[in-house]
Amino acid sequence: MIKAIQSIANPFWDAVFVALSAMGTEEFFVVVIGFLFWNVDKRLGFRIGAVLLSSQALNSYLKDLFQTPRPSPKAVRVLMPEWAGGYAFPSGHAQGATTFWGFWALEIRRAWFFALAAVMVILVSLSRLYLGVHFPVDLFGGFLIGVTVLIVAHKVLATTDQGFAFDALSAKLVLALGLPFLFLLFSRSGEIVKLVGLLMGISAGYALEEEYIRFEEKQPVGIQVFKTFVGLSGIFILRLALKDLFPAAPFFDLARYLIVGLWATAGAPWIFARLS
């Protein structure tokens, strides 16, 4: 199947499928979710971010559990090998795209957006075959696991929306810091530690934002551009600066990404609220 898809290979399709595959990367999700949170709907942005991070932590755990190899460069043409680190099953791109676009569609509940979500999941998944970095079973597994995460997340959030949410800030912070920590009971790999730290950070930051900051998402276009620039700049600067500042150890990786998450959902919003 990989060879059949790669039979159309030329520079044009290379560029198209590299671009499609980029829509399943960490950088793409950070930019889109950040924009949603700061400029459109912070509740929606937080929910998509929290569900996606949980899904990707599960994906990282399952990759380490199954330890399946990727297609060999001797058998197929491999493009962008730097996007194919680690094990193959389940595909992080397929699972991430399913979780990201699927949850967004469930929140919006528009027929056209469900169609868009389905197209995006298919295209991102196909791009991984064209690039020669996954087998079909990796993509199918990632899709099924992503759907499972969507079902569970949707039911849990629907339950909290019906009146079972915790109102006290202290309870929210305990949940924000405690629930993600459960992932570390099963695995403490470098990737999972970072994802858990980020999930803790955005969850605690969101609770603090709701209690103390309450910034307005909707602003004139110029201010929206400014907010997006400040927010994204802070994320990428903190990631790089704290990596040089903190020692290379799991605890400090957890702390580094927790701080990045706090910036995204509390630090940047605090600045927006002060300058509004």
C-alpha atoms as a PDB file:
ATOM      1  CA  MET A   1       0.000   0.000   0.000  1.00  0.00           C
ATOM      2  CA  ILE A   2       2.861   2.388   0.804  1.00  0.00           C
ATOM      3  CA  LYS A   3       4.480   1.716  -2.553  1.00  0.00           C
ATOM      4  CA  ALA A   4       1.176   2.205  -4.365  1.00  0.00           C
ATOM      5  CA  ILE A   5       0.684   5.626  -2.769  1.00  0.00           C
ATOM      6  CA  GLN A   6       4.303   6.567  -3.405  1.00  0.00           C
ATOM      7  CA  SER A   7       3.946   5.687  -7.089  1.00  0.00           C
ATOM      8  CA  ILE A   8       2.588   9.228  -7.682  1.00  0.00           C
ATOM      9  CA  ALA A   9       5.653  10.792  -6.029  1.00  0.00           C
ATOM     10  CA  ASN A  10       7.005  14.017  -7.498  1.00  0.00           C
ATOM     11  CA  PRO A  11       8.132  17.349  -6.003  1.00  0.00           C
ATOM     12  CA  PHE A  12       4.591  18.757  -6.017  1.00  0.00           C
ATOM     13  CA  TRP A  13       3.075  15.845  -4.082  1.00  0.00           C
ATOM     14  CA  ASP A  14       6.090  15.791  -1.783  1.00  0.00           C
ATOM     15  CA  ALA A  15       5.315  19.382  -0.778  1.00  0.00           C
ATOM     16  CA  VAL A  16       1.581  18.694  -0.408  1.00  0.00           C
ATOM     17  CA  PHE A  17       1.992  15.659   1.835  1.00  0.00           C
ATOM     18  CA  VAL A  18       4.756  17.250   3.909  1.00  0.00           C
ATOM     19  CA  ALA A  19       2.372  20.172   4.534  1.00  0.00           C
ATOM     20  CA  LEU A  20      -0.448  17.783   5.454  1.00  0.00           C
ATOM     21  CA  SER A  21       1.804  15.857   7.811  1.00  0.00           C
ATOM     22  CA  ALA A  22       2.828  19.148   9.451  1.00  0.00           C
ATOM     23  CA  MET A  23      -0.827  19.522  10.491  1.00  0.00           C
ATOM     24  CA  GLY A  24      -0.298  16.638  12.890  1.00  0.00           C
ATOM     25  CA  THR A  25       2.774  18.064  14.620  1.00  0.00           C
ATOM     26  CA  GLU A  26       3.142  19.607  18.050  1.00  0.00           C
ATOM     27  CA  GLU A  27       3.830  23.057  16.576  1.00  0.00           C
ATOM     28  CA  PHE A  28       0.600  23.052  14.568  1.00  0.00           C
ATOM     29  CA  PHE A  29      -1.501  22.085  17.584  1.00  0.00           C
ATOM     30  CA  VAL A  30       0.188  24.704  19.794  1.00  0.00           C
ATOM     31  CA  VAL A  31      -0.523  27.492  17.305  1.00  0.00           C
ATOM     32  CA  VAL A  32      -4.162  26.535  16.637  1.00  0.00           C
ATOM     33  CA  ILE A  33      -5.120  25.753  20.229  1.00  0.00           C
ATOM     34  CA  GLY A  34      -3.325  28.857  21.485  1.00  0.00           C
ATOM     35  CA  PHE A  35      -5.189  31.004  18.969  1.00  0.00           C
ATOM     36  CA  LEU A  36      -8.503  29.426  20.004  1.00  0.00           C
ATOM     37  CA  PHE A  37      -7.853  29.932  23.702  1.00  0.00           C
ATOM     38  CA  TRP A  38      -6.664  33.531  23.488  1.00  0.00           C
ATOM     39  CA  ASN A  39      -8.928  34.851  20.725  1.00  0.00           C
ATOM     40  CA  VAL A  40     -12.027  32.709  20.206  1.00  0.00           C
ATOM     41  CA  ASP A  41     -13.247  30.616  23.157  1.00  0.00           C
ATOM     42  CA  LYS A  42     -10.969  29.818  26.103  1.00  0.00           C
ATOM     43  CA  ARG A  43     -13.229  27.040  27.364  1.00  0.00           C
ATOM     44  CA  LEU A  44     -13.139  25.317  23.965  1.00  0.00           C
ATOM     45  CA  GLY A  45      -9.393  25.866  23.590  1.00  0.00           C
ATOM     46  CA  PHE A  46      -8.670  24.430  27.025  1.00  0.00           C
ATOM     47  CA  ARG A  47     -10.854  21.383  26.492  1.00  0.00           C
ATOM     48  CA  ILE A  48      -9.301  20.550  23.131  1.00  0.00           C
ATOM     49  CA  GLY A  49      -5.825  21.031  24.575  1.00  0.00           C
ATOM     50  CA  ALA A  50      -6.463  18.877  27.644  1.00  0.00           C
ATOM     51  CA  VAL A  51      -8.036  16.031  25.666  1.00  0.00           C
ATOM     52  CA  LEU A  52      -5.284  16.128  23.024  1.00  0.00           C
ATOM     53  CA  LEU A  53      -2.501  16.056  25.632  1.00  0.00           C
ATOM     54  CA  SER A  54      -4.152  13.133  27.417  1.00  0.00           C
ATOM     55  CA  SER A  55      -4.479  11.295  24.113  1.00  0.00           C
ATOM     56  CA  GLN A  56      -0.851  11.888  23.189  1.00  0.00           C
ATOM     57  CA  ALA A  57       0.349  10.725  26.614  1.00  0.00           C
ATOM     58  CA  LEU A  58      -1.602   7.491  26.079  1.00  0.00           C
ATOM     59  CA  ASN A  59      -0.115   7.223  22.587  1.00  0.00           C
ATOM     60  CA  SER A  60       3.421   7.564  23.934  1.00  0.00           C
ATOM     61  CA  TYR A  61       2.737   4.869  26.535  1.00  0.00           C
ATOM     62  CA  LEU A  62       1.338   2.481  23.917  1.00  0.00           C
ATOM     63  CA  LYS A  63       4.288   3.051  21.569  1.00  0.00           C
ATOM     64  CA  ASP A  64       6.678   2.045  24.350  1.00  0.00           C
ATOM     65  CA  LEU A  65       4.470  -0.925  25.200  1.00  0.00           C
ATOM     66  CA  PHE A  66       4.242  -2.400  21.677  1.00  0.00           C
ATOM     67  CA  GLN A  67       7.650  -1.255  20.376  1.00  0.00           C
ATOM     68  CA  THR A  68       6.824  -1.911  16.718  1.00  0.00           C
ATOM     69  CA  PRO A  69       9.286  -0.831  14.001  1.00  0.00           C
ATOM     70  CA  ARG A  70       8.640   1.685  11.256  1.00  0.00           C
ATOM     71  CA  PRO A  71       8.983   0.896   7.531  1.00  0.00           C
ATOM     72  CA  SER A  72      12.583   0.349   6.483  1.00  0.00           C
ATOM     73  CA  PRO A  73      14.228   2.978   4.230  1.00  0.00           C
ATOM     74  CA  LYS A  74      15.566   0.003   2.291  1.00  0.00           C
ATOM     75  CA  ALA A  75      12.029  -1.066   1.368  1.00  0.00           C
ATOM     76  CA  VAL A  76      10.215   2.245   0.820  1.00  0.00           C
ATOM     77  CA  ARG A  77      11.047   5.886   0.169  1.00  0.00           C
ATOM     78  CA  VAL A  78      11.206   7.761   3.484  1.00  0.00           C
ATOM     79  CA  LEU A  79      10.690  11.537   3.508  1.00  0.00           C
ATOM     80  CA  MET A  80      11.189  13.704   6.586  1.00  0.00           C
ATOM     81  CA  PRO A  81      12.700  10.951   8.765  1.00  0.00           C
ATOM     82  CA  GLU A  82      13.080  13.529  11.542  1.00  0.00           C
ATOM     83  CA  TRP A  83       9.269  13.377  11.887  1.00  0.00           C
ATOM     84  CA  ALA A  84       9.441   9.636  12.479  1.00  0.00           C
ATOM     85  CA  GLY A  85      11.272   9.185  15.735  1.00  0.00           C
ATOM     86  CA  GLY A  86      10.497   6.317  18.087  1.00  0.00           C
ATOM     87  CA  TYR A  87       8.200   3.374  17.538  1.00  0.00           C
ATOM     88  CA  ALA A  88       5.386   3.087  15.003  1.00  0.00           C
ATOM     89  CA  PHE A  89       2.205   1.737  16.603  1.00  0.00           C
ATOM     90  CA  PRO A  90      -0.131   3.483  17.152  1.00  0.00           C
ATOM     91  CA  SER A  91       0.449   6.457  14.865  1.00  0.00           C
ATOM     92  CA  GLY A  92       0.674   9.661  16.885  1.00  0.00           C
ATOM     93  CA  HIS A  93      -0.361  11.711  13.856  1.00  0.00           C
ATOM     94  CA  ALA A  94      -3.479   9.605  13.182  1.00  0.00           C
ATOM     95  CA  GLN A  95      -4.459   9.503  16.849  1.00  0.00           C
ATOM     96  CA  GLY A  96      -3.710  13.185  17.378  1.00  0.00           C
ATOM     97  CA  ALA A  97      -5.638  14.284  14.285  1.00  0.00           C
ATOM     98  CA  THR A  98      -8.608  12.090  15.262  1.00  0.00           C
ATOM     99  CA  THR A  99      -8.639  13.496  18.788  1.00  0.00           C
ATOM    100  CA  PHE A 100      -8.057  17.119  17.796  1.00  0.00           C
ATOM    101  CA  TRP A 101     -10.465  17.417  14.881  1.00  0.00           C
ATOM    102  CA  GLY A 102     -12.974  14.945  16.306  1.00  0.00           C
ATOM    103  CA  PHE A 103     -13.326  16.673  19.657  1.00  0.00           C
ATOM    104  CA  TRP A 104     -13.555  20.082  18.007  1.00  0.00           C
ATOM    105  CA  ALA A 105     -16.343  18.755  15.774  1.00  0.00           C
ATOM    106  CA  LEU A 106     -18.213  17.303  18.765  1.00  0.00           C
ATOM    107  CA  GLU A 107     -18.053  20.670  20.505  1.00  0.00           C
ATOM    108  CA  ILE A 108     -19.184  22.702  17.480  1.00  0.00           C
ATOM    109  CA  ARG A 109     -21.796  20.203  16.254  1.00  0.00           C
ATOM    110  CA  ARG A 110     -22.053  21.426  12.664  1.00  0.00           C
ATOM    111  CA  ALA A 111     -22.417  19.021   9.743  1.00  0.00           C
ATOM    112  CA  TRP A 112     -19.886  20.897   7.620  1.00  0.00           C
ATOM    113  CA  PHE A 113     -17.315  20.765  10.412  1.00  0.00           C
ATOM    114  CA  PHE A 114     -17.798  17.025  10.908  1.00  0.00           C
ATOM    115  CA  ALA A 115     -17.075  16.645   7.172  1.00  0.00           C
ATOM    116  CA  LEU A 116     -13.985  18.870   7.464  1.00  0.00           C
ATOM    117  CA  ALA A 117     -12.763  16.887  10.474  1.00  0.00           C
ATOM    118  CA  ALA A 118     -13.150  13.580   8.613  1.00  0.00           C
ATOM    119  CA  VAL A 119     -11.253  14.918   5.592  1.00  0.00           C
ATOM    120  CA  MET A 120      -8.424  16.241   7.774  1.00  0.00           C
ATOM    121  CA  VAL A 121      -8.029  12.946   9.644  1.00  0.00           C
ATOM    122  CA  ILE A 122      -7.890  11.019   6.348  1.00  0.00           C
ATOM    123  CA  LEU A 123      -5.421  13.404   4.698  1.00  0.00           C
ATOM    124  CA  VAL A 124      -3.065  13.608   7.684  1.00  0.00           C
ATOM    125  CA  SER A 125      -3.114   9.797   7.947  1.00  0.00           C
ATOM    126  CA  LEU A 126      -2.477   9.302   4.223  1.00  0.00           C
ATOM    127  CA  SER A 127       0.437  11.715   4.405  1.00  0.00           C
ATOM    128  CA  ARG A 128       2.188   9.351   6.802  1.00  0.00           C
ATOM    129  CA  LEU A 129       1.957   6.539   4.248  1.00  0.00           C
ATOM    130  CA  TYR A 130       3.205   8.789   1.455  1.00  0.00           C
ATOM    131  CA  LEU A 131       6.166   9.866   3.610  1.00  0.00           C
ATOM    132  CA  GLY A 132       6.936   6.202   4.253  1.00  0.00           C
ATOM    133  CA  VAL A 133       7.014   6.490   8.052  1.00  0.00           C
ATOM    134  CA  HIS A 134       4.030   4.299   8.993  1.00  0.00           C
ATOM    135  CA  PHE A 135       2.303   1.075   8.041  1.00  0.00           C
ATOM    136  CA  PRO A 136      -1.487   1.122   7.485  1.00  0.00           C
ATOM    137  CA  VAL A 137      -2.063  -0.807  10.725  1.00  0.00           C
ATOM    138  CA  ASP A 138      -0.335   2.002  12.664  1.00  0.00           C
ATOM    139  CA  LEU A 139      -2.791   4.528  11.257  1.00  0.00           C
ATOM    140  CA  PHE A 140      -5.844   2.331  11.809  1.00  0.00           C
ATOM    141  CA  GLY A 141      -4.768   1.674  15.393  1.00  0.00           C
ATOM    142  CA  GLY A 142      -4.192   5.371  16.018  1.00  0.00           C
ATOM    143  CA  PHE A 143      -7.636   6.179  14.603  1.00  0.00           C
ATOM    144  CA  LEU A 144      -9.424   3.594  16.770  1.00  0.00           C
ATOM    145  CA  ILE A 145      -7.622   4.682  19.922  1.00  0.00           C
ATOM    146  CA  GLY A 146      -8.355   8.319  19.102  1.00  0.00           C
ATOM    147  CA  VAL A 147     -12.060   7.526  18.728  1.00  0.00           C
ATOM    148  CA  THR A 148     -12.000   5.699  22.065  1.00  0.00           C
ATOM    149  CA  VAL A 149     -10.410   8.725  23.739  1.00  0.00           C
ATOM    150  CA  LEU A 150     -13.075  10.947  22.175  1.00  0.00           C
ATOM    151  CA  ILE A 151     -15.915   8.792  23.510  1.00  0.00           C
ATOM    152  CA  VAL A 152     -14.494   8.690  27.030  1.00  0.00           C
ATOM    153  CA  ALA A 153     -13.614  12.395  27.102  1.00  0.00           C
ATOM    154  CA  HIS A 154     -17.002  13.427  25.749  1.00  0.00           C
ATOM    155  CA  LYS A 155     -18.860  11.381  28.383  1.00  0.00           C
ATOM    156  CA  VAL A 156     -16.685  12.655  31.232  1.00  0.00           C
ATOM    157  CA  LEU A 157     -17.054  16.291  30.208  1.00  0.00           C
ATOM    158  CA  ALA A 158     -20.790  15.872  29.613  1.00  0.00           C
ATOM    159  CA  THR A 159     -21.079  14.587  33.180  1.00  0.00           C
ATOM    160  CA  THR A 160     -19.220  17.568  34.628  1.00  0.00           C
ATOM    161  CA  ASP A 161     -21.376  19.929  32.568  1.00  0.00           C
ATOM    162  CA  GLN A 162     -24.483  18.476  34.219  1.00  0.00           C
ATOM    163  CA  GLY A 163     -23.469  19.748  37.632  1.00  0.00           C
ATOM    164  CA  PHE A 164     -20.734  17.483  38.938  1.00  0.00           C
ATOM    165  CA  ALA A 165     -17.924  19.993  38.455  1.00  0.00           C
ATOM    166  CA  PHE A 166     -15.897  21.238  41.410  1.00  0.00           C
ATOM    167  CA  ASP A 167     -16.425  24.933  42.127  1.00  0.00           C
ATOM    168  CA  ALA A 168     -13.744  25.545  44.757  1.00  0.00           C
ATOM    169  CA  LEU A 169     -10.392  26.701  43.368  1.00  0.00           C
ATOM    170  CA  SER A 170      -8.515  24.398  45.738  1.00  0.00           C
ATOM    171  CA  ALA A 171     -10.414  21.368  44.425  1.00  0.00           C
ATOM    172  CA  LYS A 172      -9.768  22.412  40.827  1.00  0.00           C
ATOM    173  CA  LEU A 173      -6.044  22.767  41.493  1.00  0.00           C
ATOM    174  CA  VAL A 174      -5.878  19.373  43.203  1.00  0.00           C
ATOM    175  CA  LEU A 175      -7.525  17.782  40.163  1.00  0.00           C
ATOM    176  CA  ALA A 176      -5.395  19.788  37.725  1.00  0.00           C
ATOM    177  CA  LEU A 177      -2.176  18.607  39.345  1.00  0.00           C
ATOM    178  CA  GLY A 178      -3.299  15.180  40.526  1.00  0.00           C
ATOM    179  CA  LEU A 179      -5.128  13.595  37.607  1.00  0.00           C
ATOM    180  CA  PRO A 180      -2.340  14.085  35.010  1.00  0.00           C
ATOM    181  CA  PHE A 181       0.126  12.641  37.528  1.00  0.00           C
ATOM    182  CA  LEU A 182      -1.662   9.281  37.219  1.00  0.00           C
ATOM    183  CA  PHE A 183       0.005   8.799  33.811  1.00  0.00           C
ATOM    184  CA  LEU A 184       3.366   8.654  35.593  1.00  0.00           C
ATOM    185  CA  LEU A 185       2.237   5.588  37.539  1.00  0.00           C
ATOM    186  CA  PHE A 186       2.385   3.620  34.275  1.00  0.00           C
ATOM    187  CA  SER A 187       5.357   5.205  32.541  1.00  0.00           C
ATOM    188  CA  ARG A 188       7.961   7.885  33.217  1.00  0.00           C
ATOM    189  CA  SER A 189       9.424   8.136  29.738  1.00  0.00           C
ATOM    190  CA  GLY A 190      10.744  11.525  28.708  1.00  0.00           C
ATOM    191  CA  GLU A 191       7.847  12.233  26.352  1.00  0.00           C
ATOM    192  CA  ILE A 192       5.152  11.338  28.879  1.00  0.00           C
ATOM    193  CA  VAL A 193       6.824  13.441  31.590  1.00  0.00           C
ATOM    194  CA  LYS A 194       6.731  16.490  29.301  1.00  0.00           C
ATOM    195  CA  LEU A 195       3.102  15.895  28.295  1.00  0.00           C
ATOM    196  CA  VAL A 196       2.057  15.438  31.916  1.00  0.00           C
ATOM    197  CA  GLY A 197       3.850  18.644  32.922  1.00  0.00           C
ATOM    198  CA  LEU A 198       2.126  20.577  30.147  1.00  0.00           C
ATOM    199  CA  LEU A 199      -1.280  19.104  31.044  1.00  0.00           C
ATOM    200  CA  MET A 200      -0.766  20.058  34.696  1.00  0.00           C
ATOM    201  CA  GLY A 201       0.261  23.563  33.692  1.00  0.00           C
ATOM    202  CA  ILE A 202      -2.620  24.354  31.369  1.00  0.00           C
ATOM    203  CA  SER A 203      -5.150  22.850  33.790  1.00  0.00           C
ATOM    204  CA  ALA A 204      -3.888  24.748  36.840  1.00  0.00           C
ATOM    205  CA  GLY A 205      -3.510  27.917  34.779  1.00  0.00           C
ATOM    206  CA  TYR A 206      -7.057  27.650  33.451  1.00  0.00           C
ATOM    207  CA  ALA A 207      -8.413  27.273  36.998  1.00  0.00           C
ATOM    208  CA  LEU A 208      -6.481  30.360  38.096  1.00  0.00           C
ATOM    209  CA  GLU A 209      -7.618  32.308  35.023  1.00  0.00           C
ATOM    210  CA  GLU A 210     -11.268  31.514  35.744  1.00  0.00           C
ATOM    211  CA  GLU A 211     -10.908  32.603  39.371  1.00  0.00           C
ATOM    212  CA  TYR A 212      -8.755  35.726  39.145  1.00  0.00           C
ATOM    213  CA  ILE A 213      -8.081  36.942  35.589  1.00  0.00           C
ATOM    214  CA  ARG A 214     -11.126  36.471  33.346  1.00  0.00           C
ATOM    215  CA  PHE A 215      -9.685  38.089  30.238  1.00  0.00           C
ATOM    216  CA  GLU A 216     -11.884  38.788  27.218  1.00  0.00           C
ATOM    217  CA  GLU A 217     -11.188  36.647  24.150  1.00  0.00           C
ATOM    218  CA  LYS A 218     -13.017  38.840  21.629  1.00  0.00           C
ATOM    219  CA  GLN A 219     -11.040  41.988  20.748  1.00  0.00           C
ATOM    220  CA  PRO A 220     -10.318  44.113  17.634  1.00  0.00           C
ATOM    221  CA  VAL A 221      -8.155  42.418  15.008  1.00  0.00           C
ATOM    222  CA  GLY A 222      -4.990  44.323  15.889  1.00  0.00           C
ATOM    223  CA  ILE A 223      -5.208  43.295  19.531  1.00  0.00           C
ATOM    224  CA  GLN A 224      -5.912  39.670  18.537  1.00  0.00           C
ATOM    225  CA  VAL A 225      -2.725  39.650  16.459  1.00  0.00           C
ATOM    226  CA  PHE A 226      -0.793  41.131  19.373  1.00  0.00           C
ATOM    227  CA  LYS A 227      -2.193  38.559  21.814  1.00  0.00           C
ATOM    228  CA  THR A 228      -1.304  35.673  19.528  1.00  0.00           C
ATOM    229  CA  PHE A 229       2.232  36.979  19.003  1.00  0.00           C
ATOM    230  CA  VAL A 230       2.838  37.504  22.726  1.00  0.00           C
ATOM    231  CA  GLY A 231       1.335  34.153  23.688  1.00  0.00           C
ATOM    232  CA  LEU A 232       3.224  32.057  21.143  1.00  0.00           C
ATOM    233  CA  SER A 233       6.482  33.947  21.665  1.00  0.00           C
ATOM    234  CA  GLY A 234       6.257  33.270  25.384  1.00  0.00           C
ATOM    235  CA  ILE A 235       5.683  29.546  24.824  1.00  0.00           C
ATOM    236  CA  PHE A 236       8.652  29.052  22.511  1.00  0.00           C
ATOM    237  CA  ILE A 237      10.996  31.353  24.477  1.00  0.00           C
ATOM    238  CA  LEU A 238      10.183  29.611  27.766  1.00  0.00           C
ATOM    239  CA  ARG A 239      10.718  26.182  26.219  1.00  0.00           C
ATOM    240  CA  LEU A 240      14.175  27.114  24.978  1.00  0.00           C
ATOM    241  CA  ALA A 241      15.273  29.266  27.921  1.00  0.00           C
ATOM    242  CA  LEU A 242      14.177  26.816  30.616  1.00  0.00           C
ATOM    243  CA  LYS A 243      15.816  23.932  28.765  1.00  0.00           C
ATOM    244  CA  ASP A 244      19.167  25.721  29.089  1.00  0.00           C
ATOM    245  CA  LEU A 245      18.441  26.828  32.653  1.00  0.00           C
ATOM    246  CA  PHE A 246      17.189  23.542  34.129  1.00  0.00           C
ATOM    247  CA  PRO A 247      19.317  20.376  34.460  1.00  0.00           C
ATOM    248  CA  ALA A 248      18.489  17.433  32.181  1.00  0.00           C
ATOM    249  CA  ALA A 249      16.346  15.332  34.522  1.00  0.00           C
ATOM    250  CA  PRO A 250      12.710  14.114  34.493  1.00  0.00           C
ATOM    251  CA  PHE A 251      11.649  16.330  37.410  1.00  0.00           C
ATOM    252  CA  PHE A 252      12.974  19.441  35.700  1.00  0.00           C
ATOM    253  CA  ASP A 253      11.364  18.444  32.384  1.00  0.00           C
ATOM    254  CA  LEU A 254       8.069  18.174  34.262  1.00  0.00           C
ATOM    255  CA  ALA A 255       8.607  21.583  35.873  1.00  0.00           C
ATOM    256  CA  ARG A 256       9.670  23.178  32.578  1.00  0.00           C
ATOM    257  CA  TYR A 257       6.552  22.129  30.719  1.00  0.00           C
ATOM    258  CA  LEU A 258       4.331  22.909  33.711  1.00  0.00           C
ATOM    259  CA  ILE A 259       5.617  26.488  33.583  1.00  0.00           C
ATOM    260  CA  VAL A 260       4.993  26.654  29.829  1.00  0.00           C
ATOM    261  CA  GLY A 261       1.418  25.469  30.398  1.00  0.00           C
ATOM    262  CA  LEU A 262       0.875  28.033  33.161  1.00  0.00           C
ATOM    263  CA  TRP A 263       2.080  30.763  30.818  1.00  0.00           C
ATOM    264  CA  ALA A 264      -0.347  29.720  28.080  1.00  0.00           C
ATOM    265  CA  THR A 265      -3.504  29.691  30.211  1.00  0.00           C
ATOM    266  CA  ALA A 266      -2.679  32.148  33.023  1.00  0.00           C
ATOM    267  CA  GLY A 267       0.503  34.155  32.370  1.00  0.00           C
ATOM    268  CA  ALA A 268      -0.326  35.443  28.898  1.00  0.00           C
ATOM    269  CA  PRO A 269      -4.020  36.045  29.812  1.00  0.00           C
ATOM    270  CA  TRP A 270      -2.889  38.081  32.848  1.00  0.00           C
ATOM    271  CA  ILE A 271      -0.868  40.317  30.529  1.00  0.00           C
ATOM    272  CA  PHE A 272      -3.832  40.598  28.129  1.00  0.00           C
ATOM    273  CA  ALA A 273      -6.143  41.602  30.973  1.00  0.00           C
ATOM    274  CA  ARG A 274      -3.709  44.250  32.278  1.00  0.00           C
ATOM    275  CA  LEU A 275      -3.210  45.765  28.816  1.00  0.00           C
ATOM    276  CA  SER A 276      -6.800  45.507  27.564  1.00  0.00           C
END
